[in-house]
Amino acid sequence: MERAGQAVVDAVLALCPGPGRALVLCGPGNNDGDGFVIARLLHAWGWTIDCRFAGKADGLPPDARANHDRWVQIGPVLPVDAPPEIPDVVIDALFGTGLSRPLPDDLRQRLLELARDCARAAWVAVDVPSGMNADSGLWTGGGGWPCAYALTVTFHRPRPCHYLWEYDLMGGRLVVADIGLEGVATGRALRLGAVDPAVIRKTGGHKYDHGHALVIAGGAGRGGAARLAARGALRIGAGLVTLACPEEAMAENASRLDAIMLRQANDAAALDEILHDQRLNALCLGPGLGVDRARALVPVAAGARRGLVLDADAITAFAEAPDRLFELLHPQVVLTPHEGEFARIFPDLSLRDGPRPEVVRQAAARAGAVVLLKGPTTIIAAPDGVAVLCHALYDRRAPWLATAGAGDVLAGFITGLMARGIAPLKAAEQAALLHVDCARAFGPGLIAEDLPETLPVVLRKLD
């Protein structure tokens, strides 16, 4: 608790050097002990401390009670419902990561009142904002968050909630402090994604040693998305990339492609003929494909049992019969839906009612394929339950990715890595991270065409 309290104070002093006035909210569990340590240490820095307690001292765990008693030797402890003087900082140490039930109604109402009365203060959460489910990032009482938190200080390792959509709405900074914990169980296989330069780096060889990706395009006037995907696959290191399109679109695509080869594929039979070439080892279907064309071509592509990325129209085409899609899939497939597409093929799996990583795990198990759910935190899950969070939050924010065609480039990145022989989950993870890195490297003004062209800059830094 002493280490945890010191970590919070260090972060608070970096945020607000002070000295100022702090309102410290302490609850009935071990978080309460952290709160009393924070109060004592800030007081030693010359801060004026208003310490509030929602509980009974006799009911505290031993360590929390010891820190309560140490604070009482310094200053008073008032009930949480007493009106405060307006503080510079509010320290929320009411409840931590162990809370699974809703806040008591009276305490929830008091928190809402404090959020209103102390709206100009910098709110600081210890571990998580009180009432947040550490797995889902949702407020256990329902409804929205009462205020934005300028800072969260958590310990040992971040929790899933810190990287999920509801938490991101509050903005602010996240500090993960080492307080000397060892051997703490992590639960099910869930981790933050990390770029692996050894996976990304090319080490020589013939072009066919790095795979041949095939991107299937739609009809005339619809080829831009597929060209973006193809460019992404080529830039990320596929040895060769071919784009296949109907006859009507051949001239259009030929005028826009140089290093990317072109094949005619009017229908399923033509695609089947192209796939007789076993060197084509990774396919991408969906960007600009059209739902009717996707419905006809996905069974052929899936039946070839190659690496396969299904995006956009290749997902929407099966909205009326998702089980038909799942029957076609195999372990070398990656599905890349955004929220709307996810809802179309997993209509009974709500992304807003439970922990998102668990929901995406269920989707992957049902599909028998890797599922990549796009968002500020991209969640990737494999059928065996392993899940990865690839975030674009805090110091990795990349709002410029909210642009048409960015998802098509991501599908191409994944396809290119799979063509190079990288396993689907790993390919999806590395592609998602590099996608964000490219957006951050380019910065404001980004359009989708810039992502593949910025990738060499990112890869050079990895080297």
Protein backbone atom coordinates (compact mmCIF):
# COMPACT_ATOMS: atom_id res chain seq x y z
CA MET A 1 0.00 0.00 0.00
CA GLU A 2 2.86 2.37 0.76
CA ARG A 3 4.33 1.79 -2.69
CA ALA A 4 0.94 2.15 -4.36
CA GLY A 5 0.22 5.37 -2.50
CA GLN A 6 3.65 6.77 -3.39
CA ALA A 7 3.09 5.92 -7.08
CA VAL A 8 -0.21 7.83 -7.08
CA VAL A 9 1.35 10.82 -5.33
CA ASP A 10 4.24 10.91 -7.82
CA ALA A 11 1.74 10.93 -10.69
CA VAL A 12 -0.45 13.59 -9.02
CA LEU A 13 2.54 15.86 -8.43
CA ALA A 14 3.52 15.50 -12.09
CA LEU A 15 -0.05 16.47 -13.04
CA CYS A 16 -0.53 19.25 -10.45
CA PRO A 17 2.73 20.27 -8.75
CA GLY A 18 0.81 22.19 -6.10
CA PRO A 19 0.66 22.34 -3.21
CA GLY A 20 -3.11 22.57 -3.50
CA ARG A 21 -6.27 21.13 -2.01
CA ALA A 22 -7.05 17.43 -2.47
CA LEU A 23 -10.30 15.64 -1.76
CA VAL A 24 -9.40 12.00 -1.02
CA LEU A 25 -12.31 9.54 -1.23
CA CYS A 26 -11.68 6.28 0.65
CA GLY A 27 -13.85 3.16 0.55
CA PRO A 28 -14.43 0.08 2.69
CA GLY A 29 -11.72 -2.23 1.25
CA ASN A 30 -8.01 -2.30 0.52
CA ASN A 31 -8.31 0.65 -1.87
CA ASP A 32 -9.18 2.59 1.27
CA GLY A 33 -5.69 1.83 2.61
CA ASP A 34 -4.14 3.25 -0.58
CA GLY A 35 -6.28 6.37 -0.13
CA PHE A 36 -5.09 7.02 3.41
CA VAL A 37 -1.45 6.59 2.33
CA ILE A 38 -2.04 9.11 -0.48
CA ALA A 39 -3.62 11.55 1.98
CA ARG A 40 -0.65 11.27 4.36
CA LEU A 41 2.00 11.63 1.66
CA LEU A 42 0.31 14.61 -0.04
CA HIS A 43 -0.05 16.25 3.37
CA ALA A 44 3.71 15.86 3.82
CA TRP A 45 4.14 17.79 0.55
CA GLY A 46 2.15 20.69 2.00
CA TRP A 47 -1.22 19.91 0.48
CA THR A 48 -4.48 20.64 2.27
CA ILE A 49 -6.27 17.32 2.59
CA ASP A 50 -10.01 16.73 2.87
CA CYS A 51 -10.29 13.02 3.62
CA ARG A 52 -13.68 11.28 3.21
CA PHE A 53 -14.53 7.72 4.20
CA ALA A 54 -17.44 5.58 2.96
CA GLY A 55 -17.30 2.75 5.48
CA LYS A 56 -16.53 1.79 9.06
CA ALA A 57 -13.02 1.57 10.44
CA ASP A 58 -13.82 -1.60 12.38
CA GLY A 59 -14.67 -3.38 9.12
CA LEU A 60 -11.46 -2.58 7.28
CA PRO A 61 -8.88 -5.25 6.37
CA PRO A 62 -5.85 -5.11 8.73
CA ASP A 63 -3.46 -3.23 6.43
CA ALA A 64 -6.10 -0.70 5.41
CA ARG A 65 -7.03 -0.20 9.07
CA ALA A 66 -3.38 0.47 9.95
CA ASN A 67 -3.16 3.21 7.33
CA HIS A 68 -6.51 4.63 8.46
CA ASP A 69 -5.19 4.90 12.01
CA ARG A 70 -1.95 6.56 10.82
CA TRP A 71 -3.94 9.22 8.99
CA VAL A 72 -6.21 9.88 11.97
CA GLN A 73 -3.11 10.98 13.87
CA ILE A 74 -2.67 13.73 11.26
CA GLY A 75 -6.13 14.88 10.25
CA PRO A 76 -9.85 14.17 10.48
CA VAL A 77 -11.90 11.67 8.51
CA LEU A 78 -15.32 12.93 7.47
CA PRO A 79 -18.26 11.03 5.95
CA VAL A 80 -18.35 11.04 2.17
CA ASP A 81 -21.69 12.86 2.09
CA ALA A 82 -20.38 15.99 3.86
CA PRO A 83 -20.09 18.96 1.47
CA PRO A 84 -16.45 19.69 0.57
CA GLU A 85 -14.61 22.87 -0.25
CA ILE A 86 -13.89 22.86 -3.97
CA PRO A 87 -10.60 20.97 -4.45
CA ASP A 88 -7.90 21.13 -7.09
CA VAL A 89 -7.67 17.34 -7.23
CA VAL A 90 -10.10 14.54 -6.37
CA ILE A 91 -8.48 11.20 -5.52
CA ASP A 92 -10.96 8.37 -6.11
CA ALA A 93 -9.87 5.46 -3.90
CA LEU A 94 -13.38 4.27 -3.07
CA PHE A 95 -13.42 0.94 -4.92
CA GLY A 96 -10.83 -0.90 -6.99
CA THR A 97 -10.64 -3.77 -9.43
CA GLY A 98 -12.45 -6.30 -7.26
CA LEU A 99 -15.85 -4.64 -7.48
CA SER A 100 -18.39 -6.65 -9.47
CA ARG A 101 -21.66 -5.43 -7.97
CA PRO A 102 -23.26 -2.02 -8.60
CA LEU A 103 -22.35 0.79 -6.24
CA PRO A 104 -24.85 1.31 -3.42
CA ASP A 105 -27.52 3.73 -4.58
CA ASP A 106 -26.68 6.40 -2.01
CA LEU A 107 -22.96 6.26 -2.80
CA ARG A 108 -23.60 6.31 -6.54
CA GLN A 109 -25.79 9.38 -6.12
CA ARG A 110 -23.13 11.05 -3.97
CA LEU A 111 -20.49 10.35 -6.61
CA LEU A 112 -22.71 11.98 -9.23
CA GLU A 113 -23.14 15.04 -6.99
CA LEU A 114 -19.40 15.30 -6.38
CA ALA A 115 -18.76 15.00 -10.11
CA ARG A 116 -21.04 17.97 -10.64
CA ASP A 117 -19.73 20.07 -7.74
CA CYS A 118 -16.06 19.29 -8.42
CA ALA A 119 -16.24 19.37 -12.21
CA ARG A 120 -13.27 21.74 -12.49
CA ALA A 121 -11.02 19.54 -10.37
CA ALA A 122 -8.63 16.99 -11.85
CA TRP A 123 -10.07 13.57 -11.05
CA VAL A 124 -7.56 10.80 -10.36
CA ALA A 125 -8.55 7.13 -10.16
CA VAL A 126 -6.65 4.62 -8.05
CA ASP A 127 -6.59 1.40 -10.12
CA VAL A 128 -9.94 2.12 -11.80
CA PRO A 129 -12.69 4.72 -11.37
CA SER A 130 -15.01 3.53 -8.62
CA GLY A 131 -17.83 1.46 -10.03
CA MET A 132 -15.99 0.43 -13.18
CA ASN A 133 -15.89 -3.26 -14.02
CA ALA A 134 -12.19 -4.00 -14.50
CA ASP A 135 -12.89 -6.56 -17.24
CA SER A 136 -15.53 -4.80 -19.30
CA GLY A 137 -14.85 -1.09 -18.78
CA LEU A 138 -18.56 -0.59 -18.06
CA TRP A 139 -19.99 1.23 -15.08
CA THR A 140 -21.58 -1.37 -12.81
CA GLY A 141 -24.50 0.93 -12.03
CA GLY A 142 -25.49 1.31 -15.67
CA GLY A 143 -25.62 4.54 -17.60
CA GLY A 144 -22.73 6.77 -18.48
CA TRP A 145 -19.75 7.95 -16.46
CA PRO A 146 -20.31 10.85 -14.10
CA CYS A 147 -17.13 12.69 -15.09
CA ALA A 148 -13.88 12.50 -17.01
CA TYR A 149 -10.76 11.35 -15.18
CA ALA A 150 -7.56 13.23 -15.91
CA LEU A 151 -5.38 10.38 -14.64
CA THR A 152 -5.57 6.74 -13.65
CA VAL A 153 -2.77 5.07 -11.72
CA THR A 154 -2.88 1.29 -11.71
CA PHE A 155 -0.42 -1.22 -10.37
CA HIS A 156 1.72 -4.08 -11.70
CA ARG A 157 -0.06 -4.32 -15.06
CA PRO A 158 -3.00 -2.64 -16.79
CA ARG A 159 -6.46 -4.15 -16.65
CA PRO A 160 -8.58 -4.87 -19.74
CA CYS A 161 -10.89 -1.96 -18.91
CA HIS A 162 -8.09 0.54 -19.40
CA TYR A 163 -8.05 -0.24 -23.11
CA LEU A 164 -11.76 -0.64 -23.82
CA TRP A 165 -14.13 1.77 -25.47
CA GLU A 166 -16.09 2.99 -22.43
CA TYR A 167 -12.92 3.94 -20.59
CA ASP A 168 -11.52 5.80 -23.56
CA LEU A 169 -14.54 8.11 -23.53
CA MET A 170 -13.16 9.64 -20.34
CA GLY A 171 -9.82 10.56 -21.86
CA GLY A 172 -6.90 11.25 -19.56
CA ARG A 173 -3.58 9.50 -18.91
CA LEU A 174 -2.81 6.01 -17.69
CA VAL A 175 0.17 5.30 -15.43
CA VAL A 176 1.12 1.69 -14.68
CA ALA A 177 3.28 1.56 -11.55
CA ASP A 178 5.57 -1.23 -10.44
CA ILE A 179 4.92 -1.84 -6.72
CA GLY A 180 6.93 -5.05 -6.38
CA LEU A 181 4.22 -7.61 -7.05
CA GLU A 182 5.49 -10.95 -8.32
CA GLY A 183 3.75 -14.05 -9.63
CA VAL A 184 0.30 -12.50 -9.88
CA ALA A 185 -2.07 -14.71 -11.86
CA THR A 186 -3.21 -13.14 -15.13
CA GLY A 187 -6.31 -15.26 -15.69
CA ARG A 188 -7.22 -16.29 -19.22
CA ALA A 189 -4.78 -15.61 -22.04
CA LEU A 190 -5.25 -11.88 -22.68
CA ARG A 191 -2.35 -9.60 -23.47
CA LEU A 192 -1.40 -6.32 -25.04
CA GLY A 193 -0.06 -6.58 -28.56
CA ALA A 194 3.60 -5.84 -29.21
CA VAL A 195 5.45 -5.40 -32.49
CA ASP A 196 7.90 -8.24 -33.09
CA PRO A 197 10.67 -7.02 -35.42
CA ALA A 198 11.86 -10.60 -35.96
CA VAL A 199 8.49 -11.46 -37.49
CA ILE A 200 8.30 -8.36 -39.67
CA ARG A 201 11.86 -8.34 -40.99
CA LYS A 202 12.63 -9.89 -44.39
CA THR A 203 15.88 -11.86 -44.52
CA GLY A 204 16.52 -12.38 -48.23
CA GLY A 205 15.47 -15.18 -50.53
CA HIS A 206 13.49 -15.34 -53.76
CA LYS A 207 10.25 -13.41 -54.16
CA TYR A 208 8.27 -16.65 -53.98
CA ASP A 209 9.92 -17.36 -50.63
CA HIS A 210 7.84 -14.47 -49.30
CA GLY A 211 4.52 -15.64 -50.67
CA HIS A 212 2.06 -14.62 -53.35
CA ALA A 213 -1.04 -12.76 -52.20
CA LEU A 214 -4.24 -12.59 -54.24
CA VAL A 215 -6.73 -9.76 -53.69
CA ILE A 216 -10.16 -10.13 -55.30
CA ALA A 217 -11.71 -6.88 -56.53
CA GLY A 218 -15.21 -5.80 -57.48
CA GLY A 219 -16.59 -4.44 -60.71
CA ALA A 220 -15.89 -1.26 -62.63
CA GLY A 221 -15.70 1.83 -60.45
CA ARG A 222 -15.32 -0.27 -57.29
CA GLY A 223 -11.65 -1.18 -57.46
CA GLY A 224 -10.16 1.44 -55.15
CA ALA A 225 -10.62 -0.53 -51.94
CA ALA A 226 -9.05 -3.68 -53.37
CA ARG A 227 -6.15 -1.68 -54.78
CA LEU A 228 -5.54 -0.24 -51.31
CA ALA A 229 -5.50 -3.75 -49.85
CA ALA A 230 -3.16 -4.98 -52.58
CA ARG A 231 -0.79 -2.08 -52.03
CA GLY A 232 -0.78 -2.82 -48.31
CA ALA A 233 0.02 -6.48 -48.91
CA LEU A 234 2.91 -5.58 -51.20
CA ARG A 235 4.38 -2.93 -48.91
CA ILE A 236 4.35 -5.23 -45.87
CA GLY A 237 6.53 -7.71 -47.69
CA ALA A 238 4.54 -10.23 -49.74
CA GLY A 239 6.85 -11.38 -52.53
CA LEU A 240 4.16 -10.95 -55.18
CA VAL A 241 0.65 -9.55 -55.19
CA THR A 242 -2.01 -10.13 -57.83
CA LEU A 243 -5.35 -8.39 -58.08
CA ALA A 244 -8.19 -10.33 -59.74
CA CYS A 245 -11.20 -8.48 -61.11
CA PRO A 246 -14.02 -8.86 -63.67
CA GLU A 247 -13.32 -8.13 -67.33
CA GLU A 248 -15.21 -4.84 -67.14
CA ALA A 249 -12.73 -3.52 -64.54
CA MET A 250 -9.49 -4.69 -66.17
CA ALA A 251 -8.69 -1.41 -67.94
CA GLU A 252 -9.42 0.68 -64.86
CA ASN A 253 -7.14 -1.42 -62.64
CA ALA A 254 -4.42 -1.77 -65.26
CA SER A 255 -4.13 2.00 -65.44
CA ARG A 256 -3.54 2.20 -61.67
CA LEU A 257 -1.25 -0.78 -61.03
CA ASP A 258 2.40 -1.38 -61.79
CA ALA A 259 4.17 -3.74 -59.37
CA ILE A 260 0.84 -5.42 -58.61
CA MET A 261 -0.15 -7.97 -61.25
CA LEU A 262 -3.62 -8.32 -62.72
CA ARG A 263 -5.80 -11.33 -63.53
CA GLN A 264 -9.32 -11.56 -64.88
CA ALA A 265 -11.85 -13.33 -62.67
CA ASN A 266 -15.44 -12.87 -63.77
CA ASP A 267 -16.98 -15.55 -61.58
CA ALA A 268 -16.41 -18.45 -59.19
CA ALA A 269 -15.20 -20.78 -61.93
CA ALA A 270 -12.55 -18.28 -62.99
CA LEU A 271 -11.35 -17.86 -59.40
CA ASP A 272 -11.17 -21.62 -59.01
CA GLU A 273 -9.00 -21.79 -62.12
CA ILE A 274 -6.66 -19.10 -60.79
CA LEU A 275 -6.30 -20.98 -57.50
CA HIS A 276 -4.87 -24.01 -59.29
CA ASP A 277 -1.61 -22.10 -58.85
CA GLN A 278 -0.53 -23.36 -55.44
CA ARG A 279 1.95 -20.52 -55.07
CA LEU A 280 -1.01 -18.24 -54.31
CA ASN A 281 -0.95 -18.81 -50.57
CA ALA A 282 -2.97 -15.92 -49.10
CA LEU A 283 -6.22 -14.38 -50.31
CA CYS A 284 -8.14 -11.21 -49.43
CA LEU A 285 -11.83 -10.84 -50.23
CA GLY A 286 -14.21 -8.07 -49.26
CA PRO A 287 -12.91 -4.56 -49.97
CA GLY A 288 -15.13 -3.13 -52.72
CA LEU A 289 -16.16 -6.65 -53.71
CA GLY A 290 -19.94 -6.26 -53.67
CA VAL A 291 -22.15 -8.59 -51.67
CA ASP A 292 -23.43 -10.66 -54.60
CA ARG A 293 -19.93 -11.26 -55.91
CA ALA A 294 -18.74 -12.02 -52.37
CA ARG A 295 -21.51 -14.55 -51.83
CA ALA A 296 -20.38 -16.40 -54.97
CA LEU A 297 -16.61 -16.21 -54.44
CA VAL A 298 -16.12 -16.73 -50.70
CA PRO A 299 -16.97 -20.47 -50.85
CA VAL A 300 -14.33 -20.98 -53.55
CA ALA A 301 -11.72 -18.97 -51.64
CA ALA A 302 -12.44 -20.75 -48.37
CA GLY A 303 -12.45 -24.14 -50.08
CA ALA A 304 -8.90 -23.56 -51.33
CA ARG A 305 -7.71 -23.85 -47.69
CA ARG A 306 -5.16 -21.06 -48.04
CA GLY A 307 -4.57 -18.10 -45.77
CA LEU A 308 -7.71 -16.00 -46.10
CA VAL A 309 -8.77 -12.54 -44.93
CA LEU A 310 -12.48 -11.75 -45.13
CA ASP A 311 -13.42 -8.10 -44.75
CA ALA A 312 -16.29 -5.74 -45.52
CA ASP A 313 -18.63 -7.17 -48.20
CA ALA A 314 -17.29 -10.70 -47.67
CA ILE A 315 -18.74 -10.50 -44.16
CA THR A 316 -21.92 -8.55 -44.93
CA ALA A 317 -22.81 -10.99 -47.72
CA PHE A 318 -23.61 -13.61 -45.07
CA ALA A 319 -25.62 -11.40 -42.73
CA GLU A 320 -28.79 -13.37 -43.48
CA ALA A 321 -27.10 -16.75 -42.96
CA PRO A 322 -23.97 -16.42 -40.79
CA ASP A 323 -23.96 -20.15 -40.04
CA ARG A 324 -23.39 -20.74 -43.75
CA LEU A 325 -20.27 -18.58 -43.53
CA PHE A 326 -19.00 -20.38 -40.43
CA GLU A 327 -19.39 -23.74 -42.16
CA LEU A 328 -16.94 -22.53 -44.82
CA LEU A 329 -14.24 -21.24 -42.49
CA HIS A 330 -11.07 -22.94 -41.28
CA PRO A 331 -8.19 -22.05 -38.90
CA GLN A 332 -6.27 -20.12 -41.58
CA VAL A 333 -9.03 -17.49 -41.86
CA VAL A 334 -9.10 -14.00 -40.33
CA LEU A 335 -12.38 -12.08 -40.15
CA THR A 336 -11.96 -8.29 -39.79
CA PRO A 337 -15.36 -6.77 -38.92
CA HIS A 338 -16.06 -3.33 -37.54
CA GLU A 339 -18.87 -3.11 -34.95
CA GLY A 340 -21.67 -3.01 -37.51
CA GLU A 341 -20.37 -6.01 -39.44
CA PHE A 342 -19.77 -7.89 -36.20
CA ALA A 343 -23.41 -7.36 -35.24
CA ARG A 344 -24.57 -8.68 -38.62
CA ILE A 345 -22.93 -12.09 -38.28
CA PHE A 346 -23.00 -12.37 -34.47
CA PRO A 347 -26.38 -10.76 -33.75
CA ASP A 348 -26.72 -12.40 -30.32
CA LEU A 349 -23.28 -11.33 -29.06
CA SER A 350 -23.58 -7.82 -27.65
CA LEU A 351 -20.43 -5.72 -27.52
CA ARG A 352 -22.02 -3.31 -25.06
CA ASP A 353 -23.29 -5.67 -22.36
CA GLY A 354 -20.15 -7.48 -21.28
CA PRO A 355 -16.36 -7.64 -21.46
CA ARG A 356 -15.49 -7.10 -25.10
CA PRO A 357 -12.52 -9.49 -25.16
CA GLU A 358 -14.76 -12.28 -23.92
CA VAL A 359 -17.41 -11.48 -26.53
CA VAL A 360 -14.81 -11.55 -29.33
CA ARG A 361 -13.46 -14.84 -27.93
CA GLN A 362 -16.95 -16.32 -28.19
CA ALA A 363 -17.21 -15.08 -31.77
CA ALA A 364 -13.87 -16.66 -32.72
CA ALA A 365 -14.85 -19.96 -31.15
CA ARG A 366 -18.14 -19.96 -33.03
CA ALA A 367 -16.54 -19.03 -36.36
CA GLY A 368 -13.60 -21.41 -35.94
CA ALA A 369 -11.37 -18.57 -37.19
CA VAL A 370 -9.47 -15.56 -35.91
CA VAL A 371 -11.74 -12.54 -35.38
CA LEU A 372 -10.30 -9.01 -35.43
CA LEU A 373 -12.76 -6.42 -34.15
CA LYS A 374 -11.67 -2.99 -35.38
CA GLY A 375 -11.82 0.04 -33.09
CA PRO A 376 -9.71 2.44 -30.98
CA THR A 377 -8.69 -0.77 -29.27
CA THR A 378 -8.63 -3.54 -31.85
CA ILE A 379 -9.45 -6.85 -30.19
CA ILE A 380 -8.15 -10.00 -31.83
CA ALA A 381 -9.17 -13.47 -30.65
CA ALA A 382 -8.40 -16.99 -31.80
CA PRO A 383 -10.71 -20.01 -31.52
CA ASP A 384 -8.61 -21.40 -28.65
CA GLY A 385 -9.44 -18.39 -26.45
CA VAL A 386 -6.21 -16.43 -26.80
CA ALA A 387 -6.94 -12.71 -27.18
CA VAL A 388 -4.80 -9.67 -27.92
CA LEU A 389 -5.56 -5.97 -27.42
CA CYS A 390 -3.92 -3.64 -29.96
CA HIS A 391 -4.78 -0.14 -28.82
CA ALA A 392 -4.58 3.35 -30.27
CA LEU A 393 -5.12 5.15 -26.95
CA TYR A 394 -3.11 7.40 -24.61
CA ASP A 395 0.33 7.98 -26.19
CA ARG A 396 -0.67 5.85 -29.20
CA ARG A 397 -3.73 7.83 -30.22
CA ALA A 398 -4.24 7.88 -33.97
CA PRO A 399 -7.54 9.69 -34.70
CA TRP A 400 -6.46 10.13 -38.33
CA LEU A 401 -7.29 6.45 -38.91
CA ALA A 402 -10.95 7.48 -38.99
CA THR A 403 -10.79 7.83 -42.76
CA ALA A 404 -12.29 5.90 -45.66
CA GLY A 405 -10.18 3.00 -46.84
CA ALA A 406 -8.03 2.59 -43.71
CA GLY A 407 -9.64 -0.77 -42.99
CA ASP A 408 -8.93 -1.95 -46.53
CA VAL A 409 -5.23 -1.27 -46.00
CA LEU A 410 -5.34 -3.19 -42.72
CA ALA A 411 -6.85 -6.19 -44.52
CA GLY A 412 -3.99 -5.98 -47.03
CA PHE A 413 -1.38 -5.80 -44.28
CA ILE A 414 -2.76 -8.99 -42.72
CA THR A 415 -2.93 -10.74 -46.09
CA GLY A 416 0.66 -9.81 -46.92
CA LEU A 417 1.95 -11.15 -43.61
CA MET A 418 0.00 -14.38 -44.01
CA ALA A 419 1.45 -14.75 -47.51
CA ARG A 420 4.85 -14.62 -45.85
CA GLY A 421 3.88 -17.57 -43.68
CA ILE A 422 3.00 -15.77 -40.46
CA ALA A 423 0.21 -17.46 -38.48
CA PRO A 424 -3.21 -15.76 -38.60
CA LEU A 425 -3.33 -14.46 -35.00
CA LYS A 426 0.24 -13.16 -35.16
CA ALA A 427 -0.31 -11.63 -38.59
CA ALA A 428 -3.45 -9.85 -37.40
CA GLU A 429 -1.67 -8.53 -34.29
CA GLN A 430 1.40 -7.26 -36.15
CA ALA A 431 -0.71 -5.70 -38.91
CA ALA A 432 -2.98 -3.89 -36.43
CA LEU A 433 -0.01 -2.42 -34.55
CA LEU A 434 1.84 -1.34 -37.69
CA HIS A 435 -1.39 0.18 -39.01
CA VAL A 436 -1.47 2.49 -35.97
CA ASP A 437 2.26 3.18 -36.21
CA CYS A 438 1.86 4.29 -39.82
CA ALA A 439 -0.96 6.67 -38.91
CA ARG A 440 1.08 8.15 -36.07
CA ALA A 441 4.16 8.50 -38.25
CA PHE A 442 2.19 10.37 -40.93
CA GLY A 443 -0.01 12.44 -38.61
CA PRO A 444 -2.82 14.87 -39.44
CA GLY A 445 -4.08 14.92 -43.00
CA LEU A 446 -3.71 11.16 -43.39
CA ILE A 447 -5.74 9.42 -46.08
CA ALA A 448 -5.77 5.69 -46.69
CA GLU A 449 -3.32 5.87 -49.59
CA ASP A 450 -0.71 7.26 -47.21
CA LEU A 451 -0.67 4.18 -44.96
CA PRO A 452 1.19 1.78 -47.28
CA GLU A 453 3.55 4.56 -48.36
CA THR A 454 4.43 5.39 -44.74
CA LEU A 455 5.05 1.75 -43.81
CA PRO A 456 8.69 1.75 -45.04
CA VAL A 457 9.47 4.58 -42.60
CA VAL A 458 8.02 2.53 -39.73
CA LEU A 459 9.82 -0.64 -40.78
CA ARG A 460 13.15 1.16 -41.07
CA LYS A 461 12.81 2.26 -37.44
CA LEU A 462 12.21 -1.36 -36.44
CA ASP A 463 15.39 -2.36 -38.20
